[in-house]
Protein backbone atom coordinates (compact mmCIF):
# COMPACT_ATOMS: atom_id res chain seq x y z
CA MET A 1 87.31 98.11 82.30
CA PHE A 2 89.80 95.20 82.19
CA SER A 3 89.31 91.52 82.83
CA SER A 4 91.09 89.88 85.74
CA ILE A 5 93.41 88.15 83.26
CA GLU A 6 94.39 91.48 81.69
CA LEU A 7 94.93 93.07 85.09
CA THR A 8 97.11 90.14 86.16
CA ALA A 9 99.18 90.53 82.99
CA PHE A 10 99.59 94.27 83.62
CA ASN A 11 100.49 93.61 87.26
CA ASP A 12 103.09 91.02 86.25
CA LYS A 13 104.62 93.39 83.71
CA LEU A 14 104.78 96.22 86.25
CA ILE A 15 106.47 93.96 88.80
CA ALA A 16 108.99 92.81 86.17
CA LEU A 17 109.71 96.43 85.20
CA GLN A 18 110.16 97.31 88.86
CA ARG A 19 112.60 94.43 89.35
CA ASP A 20 114.60 95.43 86.24
CA ILE A 21 114.88 99.04 87.41
CA LEU A 22 116.05 97.98 90.87
CA GLN A 23 118.76 95.85 89.22
CA GLN A 24 119.80 98.81 87.04
CA GLN A 25 120.03 101.01 90.12
CA ARG A 26 122.32 98.54 91.86
CA ALA A 27 124.52 98.35 88.75
CA ASN A 28 124.69 102.15 88.44
CA ILE A 29 125.90 102.80 91.99
CA GLU A 30 129.55 102.64 90.94
CA SER A 31 129.03 105.06 88.02
CA GLY A 32 127.87 107.80 90.36
CA ALA A 33 130.88 107.58 92.67
CA THR A 34 132.72 110.79 93.56
CA VAL A 35 135.36 111.77 91.01
CA GLU A 36 138.94 111.94 92.35
CA LEU A 37 140.32 115.50 92.08
CA ASP A 38 144.00 114.60 92.42
CA GLN A 39 145.56 115.35 89.00
CA THR A 40 148.64 113.30 89.83
CA SER A 41 146.62 110.09 89.83
CA VAL A 42 144.15 111.00 87.06
CA GLY A 43 144.75 113.29 84.08
CA ARG A 44 142.60 116.34 83.48
CA LEU A 45 140.79 114.88 80.45
CA SER A 46 140.23 111.57 82.20
CA ARG A 47 138.81 113.43 85.21
CA MET A 48 136.51 115.49 82.96
CA ASP A 49 135.35 112.30 81.27
CA ALA A 50 134.70 110.74 84.68
CA MET A 51 132.76 113.84 85.78
CA GLN A 52 130.62 113.66 82.64
CA GLY A 53 129.98 109.96 83.33
CA GLN A 54 129.04 110.83 86.90
CA ALA A 55 126.57 113.50 85.73
CA MET A 56 124.99 111.06 83.28
CA ALA A 57 124.72 108.42 86.02
CA LYS A 58 122.97 110.92 88.32
CA ALA A 59 120.51 111.91 85.57
CA ASN A 60 119.83 108.25 84.86
CA GLU A 61 119.26 107.59 88.57
CA ALA A 62 116.69 110.41 88.71
CA ARG A 63 114.92 108.94 85.67
CA LEU A 64 114.89 105.47 87.24
CA LYS A 65 113.50 106.84 90.53
CA GLN A 66 110.68 108.57 88.64
CA LYS A 67 109.91 105.39 86.72
CA LEU A 68 109.74 103.43 89.99
CA LEU A 69 107.32 106.01 91.35
CA ASP A 70 105.18 105.73 88.19
CA ILE A 71 105.13 101.94 88.53
CA GLN A 72 104.13 102.14 92.18
CA GLN A 73 101.32 104.57 91.33
CA ALA A 74 100.07 102.26 88.58
CA LEU A 75 100.04 99.32 91.00
CA GLU A 76 98.06 101.42 93.50
CA LYS A 77 95.58 102.44 90.78
CA MET A 78 94.95 98.77 90.03
CA LYS A 79 93.66 98.37 93.59
CA THR A 80 91.17 101.24 93.24
CA ASP A 81 89.96 100.57 89.67
CA ASP A 82 91.54 103.83 88.46
CA PHE A 83 94.07 101.95 86.34
CA GLY A 84 93.98 102.62 82.61
CA TYR A 85 92.46 106.09 82.74
CA CYS A 86 94.21 109.28 81.68
CA GLU A 87 95.13 111.55 84.60
CA VAL A 88 94.40 114.65 82.50
CA CYS A 89 91.13 113.95 80.65
CA ASP A 90 89.96 110.85 82.59
CA GLU A 91 89.36 108.95 79.33
CA PRO A 92 90.54 105.34 78.91
CA ILE A 93 94.13 104.92 77.70
CA ASN A 94 94.53 102.81 74.54
CA LEU A 95 95.14 99.14 75.24
CA PRO A 96 98.27 98.95 73.01
CA ARG A 97 99.75 101.93 74.87
CA LEU A 98 99.15 100.23 78.22
CA GLN A 99 100.49 96.94 76.91
CA PHE A 100 103.71 98.69 75.86
CA ASP A 101 104.08 100.49 79.20
CA PRO A 102 101.44 99.89 81.89
CA SER A 103 102.84 102.73 84.00
CA VAL A 104 101.82 105.49 81.56
CA LYS A 105 99.68 108.21 83.09
CA CYS A 106 98.15 109.88 80.04
CA CYS A 107 96.46 109.00 76.79
CA LEU A 108 98.25 109.90 73.55
CA ASN A 109 96.25 113.11 73.09
CA CYS A 110 97.12 114.47 76.53
CA ALA A 111 100.72 113.27 76.40
CA ASP A 112 101.36 115.68 73.51
């Protein structure tokens, strides 16, 4: 379905995305740290703000883990010539959609 040049470009983009996500994960480690419960050292509102930040960091970490999994699956599909096909209807995914995010799993119709 794709030329070797296109596949190389997709592979390079997936590897770059993977590297960016791993860097984001390393940067987010501090945001997910346990919130101190001692009110003498941290005020109640500050602690609540920290807890909200911690919850957001955990949600972001889950999203990043899923994206890494999607990237890994896309890289595996490239090896078996399944790359670029919708997982739902098995039709080819639009080239612009893949160029934007080569880790997508579905065509636009099935993504709705």
